[in-house]
Amino acid sequence: MTVLKNIYKLDCILPDEDVLELESGAALIRRHASIVFKIKEVNIETRSLIILVTQEPNLLENNLTSSELVERTIGFFDKSFPGWTLKAHVISHVNRVSEYCN
């Protein structure tokens, strides 16, 4: 099971070791910050990549803002895709933990 959803879309662009490095980095980010990435679209001709990003609810409620999520996403993928146009779309969620605590 992969942590970085739709990672197969990167197979034709990146060498296997780079794909594995992205996957292990995404696993660390998910473990420590509850952030999940999904590759939505890859366009080789325009050298552009669209990534969906969300932060799962957590008990500490230390969620990042949308702009912080975008910044972290671009920073994470920029190392593997220099010179590419990277776009991050944030998917919001309702923090159900606080609903039950009130």
Protein backbone atom coordinates (compact mmCIF):
# COMPACT_ATOMS: atom_id res chain seq x y z
CA MET A 1 0.00 0.00 0.00
CA THR A 2 1.37 3.39 -0.96
CA VAL A 3 1.12 6.48 1.20
CA LEU A 4 1.42 8.89 -1.71
CA LYS A 5 -1.78 8.26 -3.62
CA ASN A 6 -1.54 7.84 -7.41
CA ILE A 7 2.25 7.64 -7.22
CA TYR A 8 2.15 5.38 -10.27
CA LYS A 9 1.60 8.56 -12.34
CA LEU A 10 5.21 9.52 -11.60
CA ASP A 11 6.75 6.24 -12.78
CA CYS A 12 7.35 7.47 -16.33
CA ILE A 13 8.96 10.72 -15.14
CA LEU A 14 11.19 9.86 -12.19
CA PRO A 15 13.72 7.08 -11.63
CA ASP A 16 12.63 4.33 -9.24
CA GLU A 17 14.90 5.58 -6.45
CA ASP A 18 13.35 9.07 -6.63
CA VAL A 19 9.85 7.60 -6.49
CA LEU A 20 10.83 5.57 -3.42
CA GLU A 21 12.33 8.67 -1.82
CA LEU A 22 9.08 10.60 -2.39
CA GLU A 23 7.08 7.73 -0.95
CA SER A 24 9.22 7.50 2.20
CA GLY A 25 9.12 11.29 2.65
CA ALA A 26 5.34 11.30 2.28
CA ALA A 27 5.12 8.53 4.89
CA LEU A 28 7.11 10.62 7.38
CA ILE A 29 4.97 13.69 6.73
CA ARG A 30 1.81 11.66 7.19
CA ARG A 31 3.08 10.12 10.42
CA HIS A 32 4.22 13.40 11.98
CA ALA A 33 1.75 15.95 10.60
CA SER A 34 -1.21 13.84 9.36
CA ILE A 35 -0.77 15.34 5.89
CA VAL A 36 -1.81 13.23 2.89
CA PHE A 37 -0.84 13.89 -0.73
CA LYS A 38 -2.53 12.66 -3.90
CA ILE A 39 -1.14 13.17 -7.40
CA LYS A 40 -4.06 14.55 -9.38
CA GLU A 41 -2.51 15.44 -12.72
CA VAL A 42 0.86 15.20 -14.44
CA ASN A 43 1.47 16.99 -17.72
CA ILE A 44 4.88 16.19 -19.22
CA GLU A 45 4.49 18.61 -22.15
CA THR A 46 3.87 21.67 -19.95
CA ARG A 47 5.99 20.28 -17.09
CA SER A 48 3.21 20.79 -14.58
CA LEU A 49 2.03 18.78 -11.60
CA ILE A 50 -1.18 19.17 -9.59
CA ILE A 51 -1.22 17.70 -6.08
CA LEU A 52 -4.20 17.38 -3.78
CA VAL A 53 -3.31 17.83 -0.11
CA THR A 54 -5.30 17.38 3.06
CA GLN A 55 -4.51 17.22 6.73
CA GLU A 56 -6.39 14.53 8.58
CA PRO A 57 -7.98 15.43 11.92
CA ASN A 58 -5.82 14.72 14.93
CA LEU A 59 -6.35 14.76 18.67
CA LEU A 60 -3.93 17.65 19.24
CA GLU A 61 -5.84 19.83 16.74
CA ASN A 62 -2.58 21.37 15.52
CA ASN A 63 -3.83 21.74 11.97
CA LEU A 64 -2.10 23.97 9.44
CA THR A 65 -3.84 26.71 7.48
CA SER A 66 -4.52 26.20 3.78
CA SER A 67 -1.64 28.47 2.82
CA GLU A 68 0.73 26.54 5.10
CA LEU A 69 -0.38 23.26 3.52
CA VAL A 70 0.24 24.67 0.03
CA GLU A 71 3.67 25.95 1.06
CA ARG A 72 4.70 22.60 2.57
CA THR A 73 3.40 20.67 -0.44
CA ILE A 74 5.26 22.81 -2.96
CA GLY A 75 8.41 22.64 -0.82
CA PHE A 76 8.22 18.85 -0.61
CA PHE A 77 7.70 18.23 -4.34
CA ASP A 78 9.95 21.05 -5.61
CA LYS A 79 13.08 19.04 -4.80
CA SER A 80 12.03 16.25 -7.17
CA PHE A 81 10.56 18.51 -9.86
CA PRO A 82 12.88 21.50 -10.34
CA GLY A 83 11.68 23.82 -13.07
CA TRP A 84 8.17 22.36 -13.06
CA THR A 85 4.99 24.29 -12.37
CA LEU A 86 3.60 22.86 -9.15
CA LYS A 87 0.07 23.50 -7.94
CA ALA A 88 -1.35 22.29 -4.66
CA HIS A 89 -5.09 22.14 -4.08
CA VAL A 90 -6.16 21.89 -0.45
CA ILE A 91 -9.07 19.62 0.40
CA SER A 92 -10.78 20.81 3.56
CA HIS A 93 -12.12 18.52 6.23
CA VAL A 94 -14.37 18.87 9.25
CA ASN A 95 -12.59 18.12 12.49
CA ARG A 96 -15.03 15.62 13.98
CA VAL A 97 -12.98 15.26 17.17
CA SER A 98 -13.93 18.75 18.35
CA GLU A 99 -17.58 18.16 17.40
CA TYR A 100 -17.78 15.30 19.88
CA CYS A 101 -15.91 17.20 22.62
CA ASN A 102 -18.31 20.16 22.72
